[in-house]
Amino acid sequence: MAVRTFVFDLDGVVYRGNQPLPSAVDTIESLRRFGHQVYFFTNNSSRTRADYLEKLTGMGLTTDIDHIMTASYATALYLAEQGAAGKSCFMIGREGVREALESVGVRLIADPEVEQPDYVVVGIDHEFTFTKLVKAQQAIFGGAKFIGTNPDLTFPGEDGYVTPGNGALLAAVHAATGVAPMVIGKPEIPAMLKILELAHSTPEQTVVVGDRLDTDILAGNRLGARTVLVLTGIATEEDVRLAPPEMKPDIIVNTLPEMMDRLGDE
């Protein structure tokens, strides 16, 4: 196998909940030993990159914070490029969103009725309430730009348990305002391009590995990378059969070790 840059999704690919998926750690460490570059890109906006670094190293994966991209961090990078330092934002989300926005100088406000914000940023929030929905609605009616960290409708937990994802929150705000969000995470590709810039790589040298067709695989296909769907998370083979061409993966595998065999034959 030629030397490549691998971009792995996390939830449903490397682990489910707090449980590593079988052979995932060994496979990723083997890729590194063979000289491949490994990056991680999760659409989950709830945790900071430092949180993910701690979680991955606790599972035995060797990495560093510069090889971890989150939807929250991608959103912060986007806002920084838009000159958002010093501007105000009403945030729906958890610490991952808060830390990322504050790291680029975005000023968070608690009540849009007191100060009209420049942005409304929505990430996954397990304490989402009607009151937060009203505040987001009024801020957007007042002219705030509506930004979504990621569009995932569901989120895979342990033992096959699936919960609502951030896409459900975006849908609520969209329904309440009539305004569609600008989505930053997968399947949009600016953060993917940033990863390739850091890796000094090209799309042709890149393999995107994920468990969702509408985010991971679509992003990889838009990027022009090789795409691998692993059937340990959300998508099934039936989903692939019914998917439009832009969401179909190049390779479907049951586990990550199988991916090594399939790519090794190319």
C-alpha atoms as a PDB file:
ATOM      1  CA  MET A   1       0.000   0.000   0.000  1.00  0.00           C
ATOM      2  CA  ALA A   2       1.333   3.449  -0.936  1.00  0.00           C
ATOM      3  CA  VAL A   3       1.911   5.875   1.945  1.00  0.00           C
ATOM      4  CA  ARG A   4      -1.333   7.720   2.633  1.00  0.00           C
ATOM      5  CA  THR A   5      -3.043  10.141   4.968  1.00  0.00           C
ATOM      6  CA  PHE A   6      -5.917   8.537   6.863  1.00  0.00           C
ATOM      7  CA  VAL A   7      -8.710  10.671   8.337  1.00  0.00           C
ATOM      8  CA  PHE A   8     -10.773   8.659  10.819  1.00  0.00           C
ATOM      9  CA  ASP A   9     -14.122   9.549  12.255  1.00  0.00           C
ATOM     10  CA  LEU A  10     -14.303   8.606  15.957  1.00  0.00           C
ATOM     11  CA  ASP A  11     -17.785   7.701  17.215  1.00  0.00           C
ATOM     12  CA  GLY A  12     -18.831   4.447  15.580  1.00  0.00           C
ATOM     13  CA  VAL A  13     -15.429   3.936  13.936  1.00  0.00           C
ATOM     14  CA  VAL A  14     -12.724   3.942  16.620  1.00  0.00           C
ATOM     15  CA  TYR A  15     -15.074   3.474  19.567  1.00  0.00           C
ATOM     16  CA  ARG A  16     -18.703   3.456  20.671  1.00  0.00           C
ATOM     17  CA  GLY A  17     -19.253   5.468  23.827  1.00  0.00           C
ATOM     18  CA  ASN A  18     -16.284   4.639  26.024  1.00  0.00           C
ATOM     19  CA  GLN A  19     -15.590   1.242  24.472  1.00  0.00           C
ATOM     20  CA  PRO A  20     -12.934   0.866  21.741  1.00  0.00           C
ATOM     21  CA  LEU A  21     -14.196  -1.127  18.794  1.00  0.00           C
ATOM     22  CA  PRO A  22     -12.510  -4.493  18.220  1.00  0.00           C
ATOM     23  CA  SER A  23      -9.009  -4.176  16.733  1.00  0.00           C
ATOM     24  CA  ALA A  24      -9.477  -0.461  15.977  1.00  0.00           C
ATOM     25  CA  VAL A  25      -6.531   0.648  18.110  1.00  0.00           C
ATOM     26  CA  ASP A  26      -4.249  -2.074  16.755  1.00  0.00           C
ATOM     27  CA  THR A  27      -5.174  -1.232  13.158  1.00  0.00           C
ATOM     28  CA  ILE A  28      -4.493   2.475  13.564  1.00  0.00           C
ATOM     29  CA  GLU A  29      -1.187   1.842  15.328  1.00  0.00           C
ATOM     30  CA  SER A  30      -0.220  -0.537  12.503  1.00  0.00           C
ATOM     31  CA  LEU A  31      -0.904   2.202   9.951  1.00  0.00           C
ATOM     32  CA  ARG A  32       1.496   4.473  11.777  1.00  0.00           C
ATOM     33  CA  ARG A  33       4.174   1.793  11.913  1.00  0.00           C
ATOM     34  CA  PHE A  34       3.897   1.453   8.134  1.00  0.00           C
ATOM     35  CA  GLY A  35       4.534   5.200   7.773  1.00  0.00           C
ATOM     36  CA  HIS A  36       1.009   6.444   7.129  1.00  0.00           C
ATOM     37  CA  GLN A  37      -0.240   9.699   8.643  1.00  0.00           C
ATOM     38  CA  VAL A  38      -3.313   9.413  10.884  1.00  0.00           C
ATOM     39  CA  TYR A  39      -5.731  12.209  11.727  1.00  0.00           C
ATOM     40  CA  PHE A  40      -9.051  12.139  13.570  1.00  0.00           C
ATOM     41  CA  PHE A  41     -12.057  14.284  12.658  1.00  0.00           C
ATOM     42  CA  THR A  42     -15.239  14.040  14.690  1.00  0.00           C
ATOM     43  CA  ASN A  43     -18.482  15.907  14.089  1.00  0.00           C
ATOM     44  CA  ASN A  44     -19.268  15.589  17.784  1.00  0.00           C
ATOM     45  CA  SER A  45     -19.023  19.131  19.115  1.00  0.00           C
ATOM     46  CA  SER A  46     -19.508  18.417  22.816  1.00  0.00           C
ATOM     47  CA  ARG A  47     -15.871  17.848  23.849  1.00  0.00           C
ATOM     48  CA  THR A  48     -12.680  19.815  23.448  1.00  0.00           C
ATOM     49  CA  ARG A  49      -9.740  18.563  21.411  1.00  0.00           C
ATOM     50  CA  ALA A  50      -7.880  18.091  24.702  1.00  0.00           C
ATOM     51  CA  ASP A  51     -10.720  15.842  25.894  1.00  0.00           C
ATOM     52  CA  TYR A  52     -10.400  13.699  22.778  1.00  0.00           C
ATOM     53  CA  LEU A  53      -6.632  13.559  23.149  1.00  0.00           C
ATOM     54  CA  GLU A  54      -7.063  12.236  26.688  1.00  0.00           C
ATOM     55  CA  LYS A  55      -9.690   9.718  25.578  1.00  0.00           C
ATOM     56  CA  LEU A  56      -7.652   8.375  22.669  1.00  0.00           C
ATOM     57  CA  THR A  57      -4.394   8.109  24.595  1.00  0.00           C
ATOM     58  CA  GLY A  58      -6.335   6.382  27.386  1.00  0.00           C
ATOM     59  CA  MET A  59      -7.334   3.755  24.833  1.00  0.00           C
ATOM     60  CA  GLY A  60      -3.714   3.232  23.849  1.00  0.00           C
ATOM     61  CA  LEU A  61      -3.692   5.382  20.710  1.00  0.00           C
ATOM     62  CA  THR A  62      -0.605   7.517  20.215  1.00  0.00           C
ATOM     63  CA  THR A  63      -1.527  10.954  18.859  1.00  0.00           C
ATOM     64  CA  ASP A  64      -1.287  14.672  19.602  1.00  0.00           C
ATOM     65  CA  ILE A  65      -3.759  17.556  19.604  1.00  0.00           C
ATOM     66  CA  ASP A  66      -2.679  18.778  16.160  1.00  0.00           C
ATOM     67  CA  HIS A  67      -3.933  15.503  14.675  1.00  0.00           C
ATOM     68  CA  ILE A  68      -7.433  15.982  16.104  1.00  0.00           C
ATOM     69  CA  MET A  69     -10.152  18.051  14.398  1.00  0.00           C
ATOM     70  CA  THR A  70     -13.624  18.576  15.872  1.00  0.00           C
ATOM     71  CA  ALA A  71     -16.686  20.279  14.427  1.00  0.00           C
ATOM     72  CA  SER A  72     -16.372  22.883  17.194  1.00  0.00           C
ATOM     73  CA  TYR A  73     -12.750  23.655  16.355  1.00  0.00           C
ATOM     74  CA  ALA A  74     -13.576  23.749  12.636  1.00  0.00           C
ATOM     75  CA  THR A  75     -16.347  26.251  13.421  1.00  0.00           C
ATOM     76  CA  ALA A  76     -13.941  28.397  15.430  1.00  0.00           C
ATOM     77  CA  LEU A  77     -11.399  28.341  12.586  1.00  0.00           C
ATOM     78  CA  TYR A  78     -14.101  29.409  10.151  1.00  0.00           C
ATOM     79  CA  LEU A  79     -15.253  32.286  12.365  1.00  0.00           C
ATOM     80  CA  ALA A  80     -11.663  33.401  12.922  1.00  0.00           C
ATOM     81  CA  GLU A  81     -11.195  33.595   9.150  1.00  0.00           C
ATOM     82  CA  GLN A  82     -14.369  35.728   8.984  1.00  0.00           C
ATOM     83  CA  GLY A  83     -12.869  38.244  11.424  1.00  0.00           C
ATOM     84  CA  ALA A  84     -15.081  37.197  14.344  1.00  0.00           C
ATOM     85  CA  ALA A  85     -12.538  37.979  17.091  1.00  0.00           C
ATOM     86  CA  GLY A  86     -14.193  40.399  19.491  1.00  0.00           C
ATOM     87  CA  LYS A  87     -17.648  39.863  18.007  1.00  0.00           C
ATOM     88  CA  SER A  88     -20.544  38.483  20.052  1.00  0.00           C
ATOM     89  CA  CYS A  89     -22.229  35.093  19.918  1.00  0.00           C
ATOM     90  CA  PHE A  90     -25.166  33.348  21.549  1.00  0.00           C
ATOM     91  CA  MET A  91     -24.109  29.724  21.891  1.00  0.00           C
ATOM     92  CA  ILE A  92     -26.132  26.557  22.264  1.00  0.00           C
ATOM     93  CA  GLY A  93     -23.719  23.747  23.068  1.00  0.00           C
ATOM     94  CA  ARG A  94     -21.335  22.240  25.548  1.00  0.00           C
ATOM     95  CA  GLU A  95     -17.749  22.879  26.606  1.00  0.00           C
ATOM     96  CA  GLY A  96     -16.295  21.829  23.254  1.00  0.00           C
ATOM     97  CA  VAL A  97     -18.086  24.693  21.520  1.00  0.00           C
ATOM     98  CA  ARG A  98     -17.409  27.178  24.305  1.00  0.00           C
ATOM     99  CA  GLU A  99     -13.671  26.469  24.496  1.00  0.00           C
ATOM    100  CA  ALA A 100     -13.210  26.558  20.721  1.00  0.00           C
ATOM    101  CA  LEU A 101     -15.055  29.861  20.255  1.00  0.00           C
ATOM    102  CA  GLU A 102     -13.297  31.543  23.161  1.00  0.00           C
ATOM    103  CA  SER A 103      -9.917  30.353  21.854  1.00  0.00           C
ATOM    104  CA  VAL A 104     -10.329  32.546  18.753  1.00  0.00           C
ATOM    105  CA  GLY A 105     -11.622  35.559  20.678  1.00  0.00           C
ATOM    106  CA  VAL A 106     -15.361  35.244  20.097  1.00  0.00           C
ATOM    107  CA  ARG A 107     -17.274  36.890  22.938  1.00  0.00           C
ATOM    108  CA  LEU A 108     -20.100  34.736  24.320  1.00  0.00           C
ATOM    109  CA  ILE A 109     -23.260  36.349  25.647  1.00  0.00           C
ATOM    110  CA  ALA A 110     -25.963  34.754  27.770  1.00  0.00           C
ATOM    111  CA  ASP A 111     -29.022  36.805  26.821  1.00  0.00           C
ATOM    112  CA  PRO A 112     -29.730  38.105  23.291  1.00  0.00           C
ATOM    113  CA  GLU A 113     -32.445  40.348  24.754  1.00  0.00           C
ATOM    114  CA  VAL A 114     -29.750  42.354  26.542  1.00  0.00           C
ATOM    115  CA  GLU A 115     -27.323  42.487  23.598  1.00  0.00           C
ATOM    116  CA  GLN A 116     -27.986  41.535  19.992  1.00  0.00           C
ATOM    117  CA  PRO A 117     -25.300  38.981  19.017  1.00  0.00           C
ATOM    118  CA  ASP A 118     -23.485  38.805  15.707  1.00  0.00           C
ATOM    119  CA  TYR A 119     -23.741  35.012  15.606  1.00  0.00           C
ATOM    120  CA  VAL A 120     -25.827  32.140  16.880  1.00  0.00           C
ATOM    121  CA  VAL A 121     -23.744  28.961  17.014  1.00  0.00           C
ATOM    122  CA  VAL A 122     -25.521  25.671  17.699  1.00  0.00           C
ATOM    123  CA  GLY A 123     -23.713  22.506  18.772  1.00  0.00           C
ATOM    124  CA  ILE A 124     -25.016  19.443  20.567  1.00  0.00           C
ATOM    125  CA  ASP A 125     -26.546  20.406  23.914  1.00  0.00           C
ATOM    126  CA  HIS A 126     -27.930  17.749  26.255  1.00  0.00           C
ATOM    127  CA  GLU A 127     -29.682  20.503  28.195  1.00  0.00           C
ATOM    128  CA  PHE A 128     -31.410  22.059  25.190  1.00  0.00           C
ATOM    129  CA  THR A 129     -34.590  23.837  26.310  1.00  0.00           C
ATOM    130  CA  PHE A 130     -37.484  25.817  24.922  1.00  0.00           C
ATOM    131  CA  THR A 131     -35.941  28.911  26.516  1.00  0.00           C
ATOM    132  CA  LYS A 132     -32.703  28.408  24.555  1.00  0.00           C
ATOM    133  CA  LEU A 133     -34.734  27.906  21.387  1.00  0.00           C
ATOM    134  CA  VAL A 134     -36.566  31.187  21.957  1.00  0.00           C
ATOM    135  CA  LYS A 135     -33.277  33.043  22.577  1.00  0.00           C
ATOM    136  CA  ALA A 136     -31.755  31.620  19.391  1.00  0.00           C
ATOM    137  CA  GLN A 137     -34.909  32.500  17.456  1.00  0.00           C
ATOM    138  CA  GLN A 138     -34.973  36.099  18.639  1.00  0.00           C
ATOM    139  CA  ALA A 139     -31.244  36.565  18.000  1.00  0.00           C
ATOM    140  CA  ILE A 140     -31.601  35.298  14.426  1.00  0.00           C
ATOM    141  CA  PHE A 141     -34.684  37.462  13.884  1.00  0.00           C
ATOM    142  CA  GLY A 142     -32.479  40.352  15.039  1.00  0.00           C
ATOM    143  CA  GLY A 143     -29.909  39.636  12.340  1.00  0.00           C
ATOM    144  CA  ALA A 144     -27.472  37.147  13.901  1.00  0.00           C
ATOM    145  CA  LYS A 145     -25.854  34.704  11.476  1.00  0.00           C
ATOM    146  CA  PHE A 146     -26.962  31.125  12.181  1.00  0.00           C
ATOM    147  CA  ILE A 147     -24.030  28.677  12.296  1.00  0.00           C
ATOM    148  CA  GLY A 148     -24.294  24.922  12.927  1.00  0.00           C
ATOM    149  CA  THR A 149     -21.259  22.940  14.008  1.00  0.00           C
ATOM    150  CA  ASN A 150     -22.494  19.741  12.332  1.00  0.00           C
ATOM    151  CA  PRO A 151     -25.674  18.256  10.821  1.00  0.00           C
ATOM    152  CA  ASP A 152     -25.701  14.718  12.323  1.00  0.00           C
ATOM    153  CA  LEU A 153     -29.311  13.779  13.039  1.00  0.00           C
ATOM    154  CA  THR A 154     -28.361  10.913  15.348  1.00  0.00           C
ATOM    155  CA  PHE A 155     -25.453   9.931  17.570  1.00  0.00           C
ATOM    156  CA  PRO A 156     -24.236   6.348  18.185  1.00  0.00           C
ATOM    157  CA  GLY A 157     -23.805   5.257  21.789  1.00  0.00           C
ATOM    158  CA  GLU A 158     -22.787   1.986  23.377  1.00  0.00           C
ATOM    159  CA  ASP A 159     -24.644  -1.312  22.755  1.00  0.00           C
ATOM    160  CA  GLY A 160     -26.231   0.023  19.569  1.00  0.00           C
ATOM    161  CA  TYR A 161     -28.141   2.757  21.419  1.00  0.00           C
ATOM    162  CA  VAL A 162     -28.766   5.814  19.235  1.00  0.00           C
ATOM    163  CA  THR A 163     -29.668   9.290  20.519  1.00  0.00           C
ATOM    164  CA  PRO A 164     -30.627  12.557  18.759  1.00  0.00           C
ATOM    165  CA  GLY A 165     -27.708  14.446  17.258  1.00  0.00           C
ATOM    166  CA  ASN A 166     -27.042  18.115  16.616  1.00  0.00           C
ATOM    167  CA  GLY A 167     -28.994  18.017  13.376  1.00  0.00           C
ATOM    168  CA  ALA A 168     -32.154  17.650  15.448  1.00  0.00           C
ATOM    169  CA  LEU A 169     -31.345  20.900  17.287  1.00  0.00           C
ATOM    170  CA  LEU A 170     -30.545  22.685  14.029  1.00  0.00           C
ATOM    171  CA  ALA A 171     -33.885  21.510  12.665  1.00  0.00           C
ATOM    172  CA  ALA A 172     -35.687  23.005  15.661  1.00  0.00           C
ATOM    173  CA  VAL A 173     -34.009  26.395  15.245  1.00  0.00           C
ATOM    174  CA  HIS A 174     -34.566  26.260  11.481  1.00  0.00           C
ATOM    175  CA  ALA A 175     -38.262  25.509  12.010  1.00  0.00           C
ATOM    176  CA  ALA A 176     -38.593  28.339  14.540  1.00  0.00           C
ATOM    177  CA  THR A 177     -36.902  30.927  12.297  1.00  0.00           C
ATOM    178  CA  GLY A 178     -37.259  29.839   8.687  1.00  0.00           C
ATOM    179  CA  VAL A 179     -33.498  30.385   8.398  1.00  0.00           C
ATOM    180  CA  ALA A 180     -31.237  27.503   7.402  1.00  0.00           C
ATOM    181  CA  PRO A 181     -27.872  27.252   9.192  1.00  0.00           C
ATOM    182  CA  MET A 182     -24.457  27.495   7.630  1.00  0.00           C
ATOM    183  CA  VAL A 183     -23.005  24.098   8.569  1.00  0.00           C
ATOM    184  CA  ILE A 184     -19.245  23.890   9.158  1.00  0.00           C
ATOM    185  CA  GLY A 185     -18.508  20.219   9.972  1.00  0.00           C
ATOM    186  CA  LYS A 186     -18.763  17.222   7.670  1.00  0.00           C
ATOM    187  CA  PRO A 187     -20.001  16.907   4.923  1.00  0.00           C
ATOM    188  CA  GLU A 188     -18.557  20.371   4.259  1.00  0.00           C
ATOM    189  CA  ILE A 189     -14.868  20.150   3.399  1.00  0.00           C
ATOM    190  CA  PRO A 190     -12.984  23.286   4.608  1.00  0.00           C
ATOM    191  CA  ALA A 191     -11.836  21.473   7.769  1.00  0.00           C
ATOM    192  CA  MET A 192     -10.771  18.489   5.645  1.00  0.00           C
ATOM    193  CA  LEU A 193      -8.697  20.822   3.498  1.00  0.00           C
ATOM    194  CA  LYS A 194      -7.106  22.234   6.651  1.00  0.00           C
ATOM    195  CA  ILE A 195      -6.134  18.692   7.702  1.00  0.00           C
ATOM    196  CA  LEU A 196      -4.499  18.066   4.309  1.00  0.00           C
ATOM    197  CA  GLU A 197      -2.651  21.369   4.625  1.00  0.00           C
ATOM    198  CA  LEU A 198      -1.258  20.281   7.995  1.00  0.00           C
ATOM    199  CA  ALA A 199      -0.367  16.851   6.602  1.00  0.00           C
ATOM    200  CA  HIS A 200       1.224  18.256   3.419  1.00  0.00           C
ATOM    201  CA  SER A 201      -0.989  15.784   1.615  1.00  0.00           C
ATOM    202  CA  THR A 202      -3.357  15.728  -1.354  1.00  0.00           C
ATOM    203  CA  PRO A 203      -6.871  14.319  -1.803  1.00  0.00           C
ATOM    204  CA  GLU A 204      -5.456  11.563  -4.006  1.00  0.00           C
ATOM    205  CA  GLN A 205      -3.206  10.430  -1.133  1.00  0.00           C
ATOM    206  CA  THR A 206      -6.033  10.552   1.427  1.00  0.00           C
ATOM    207  CA  VAL A 207      -8.392   7.891   2.798  1.00  0.00           C
ATOM    208  CA  VAL A 208     -11.481   9.048   4.720  1.00  0.00           C
ATOM    209  CA  VAL A 209     -12.883   6.390   7.055  1.00  0.00           C
ATOM    210  CA  GLY A 210     -16.333   6.791   8.579  1.00  0.00           C
ATOM    211  CA  ASP A 211     -19.605   5.197   9.566  1.00  0.00           C
ATOM    212  CA  ARG A 212     -22.048   7.740   8.111  1.00  0.00           C
ATOM    213  CA  LEU A 213     -22.880   8.217   4.461  1.00  0.00           C
ATOM    214  CA  ASP A 214     -24.314  11.741   4.725  1.00  0.00           C
ATOM    215  CA  THR A 215     -21.332  13.214   6.580  1.00  0.00           C
ATOM    216  CA  ASP A 216     -18.116  11.123   6.490  1.00  0.00           C
ATOM    217  CA  ILE A 217     -18.468   9.511   3.073  1.00  0.00           C
ATOM    218  CA  LEU A 218     -20.043  12.522   1.387  1.00  0.00           C
ATOM    219  CA  ALA A 219     -17.239  14.740   2.723  1.00  0.00           C
ATOM    220  CA  GLY A 220     -14.576  12.317   1.530  1.00  0.00           C
ATOM    221  CA  ASN A 221     -16.160  12.054  -1.910  1.00  0.00           C
ATOM    222  CA  ARG A 222     -16.443  15.839  -2.190  1.00  0.00           C
ATOM    223  CA  LEU A 223     -12.782  16.075  -1.222  1.00  0.00           C
ATOM    224  CA  GLY A 224     -11.801  13.608  -3.947  1.00  0.00           C
ATOM    225  CA  ALA A 225     -10.339  11.127  -1.438  1.00  0.00           C
ATOM    226  CA  ARG A 226     -10.679   7.346  -1.207  1.00  0.00           C
ATOM    227  CA  THR A 227     -13.659   6.596   1.069  1.00  0.00           C
ATOM    228  CA  VAL A 228     -14.159   3.630   3.390  1.00  0.00           C
ATOM    229  CA  LEU A 229     -17.421   2.866   5.190  1.00  0.00           C
ATOM    230  CA  VAL A 230     -17.023   0.677   8.272  1.00  0.00           C
ATOM    231  CA  LEU A 231     -20.224  -1.047   9.409  1.00  0.00           C
ATOM    232  CA  THR A 232     -19.648  -0.552  13.136  1.00  0.00           C
ATOM    233  CA  GLY A 233     -21.686   2.634  13.494  1.00  0.00           C
ATOM    234  CA  ILE A 234     -24.733   4.160  11.849  1.00  0.00           C
ATOM    235  CA  ALA A 235     -24.871   3.151   8.170  1.00  0.00           C
ATOM    236  CA  THR A 236     -25.776  -0.319   6.885  1.00  0.00           C
ATOM    237  CA  GLU A 237     -25.244  -2.062   3.549  1.00  0.00           C
ATOM    238  CA  GLU A 238     -28.907  -1.433   2.780  1.00  0.00           C
ATOM    239  CA  ASP A 239     -28.338   2.283   3.361  1.00  0.00           C
ATOM    240  CA  VAL A 240     -25.517   2.152   0.813  1.00  0.00           C
ATOM    241  CA  ARG A 241     -27.740   0.397  -1.718  1.00  0.00           C
ATOM    242  CA  LEU A 242     -30.350   3.152  -1.401  1.00  0.00           C
ATOM    243  CA  ALA A 243     -27.889   6.072  -1.232  1.00  0.00           C
ATOM    244  CA  PRO A 244     -27.356   8.555  -4.064  1.00  0.00           C
ATOM    245  CA  PRO A 245     -24.051   8.223  -5.963  1.00  0.00           C
ATOM    246  CA  GLU A 246     -22.341  11.068  -4.089  1.00  0.00           C
ATOM    247  CA  MET A 247     -22.803   9.200  -0.787  1.00  0.00           C
ATOM    248  CA  LYS A 248     -21.580   5.787  -1.898  1.00  0.00           C
ATOM    249  CA  PRO A 249     -18.200   4.689  -0.460  1.00  0.00           C
ATOM    250  CA  ASP A 250     -15.398   3.205  -2.509  1.00  0.00           C
ATOM    251  CA  ILE A 251     -15.000   0.358  -0.001  1.00  0.00           C
ATOM    252  CA  ILE A 252     -17.339  -1.207   2.581  1.00  0.00           C
ATOM    253  CA  VAL A 253     -15.838  -3.203   5.447  1.00  0.00           C
ATOM    254  CA  ASN A 254     -17.178  -4.824   8.590  1.00  0.00           C
ATOM    255  CA  THR A 255     -14.126  -3.944  10.703  1.00  0.00           C
ATOM    256  CA  LEU A 256     -10.980  -1.805  10.371  1.00  0.00           C
ATOM    257  CA  PRO A 257      -8.600  -4.794   9.989  1.00  0.00           C
ATOM    258  CA  GLU A 258     -10.572  -5.741   6.882  1.00  0.00           C
ATOM    259  CA  MET A 259      -9.859  -2.255   5.513  1.00  0.00           C
ATOM    260  CA  MET A 260      -6.129  -2.939   5.783  1.00  0.00           C
ATOM    261  CA  ASP A 261      -6.509  -6.049   3.635  1.00  0.00           C
ATOM    262  CA  ARG A 262      -8.666  -4.324   1.032  1.00  0.00           C
ATOM    263  CA  LEU A 263      -6.427  -1.292   0.644  1.00  0.00           C
ATOM    264  CA  GLY A 264      -3.326  -3.465   0.671  1.00  0.00           C
ATOM    265  CA  ASP A 265      -4.559  -5.144  -2.499  1.00  0.00           C
ATOM    266  CA  GLU A 266      -4.722  -1.855  -4.401  1.00  0.00           C
END
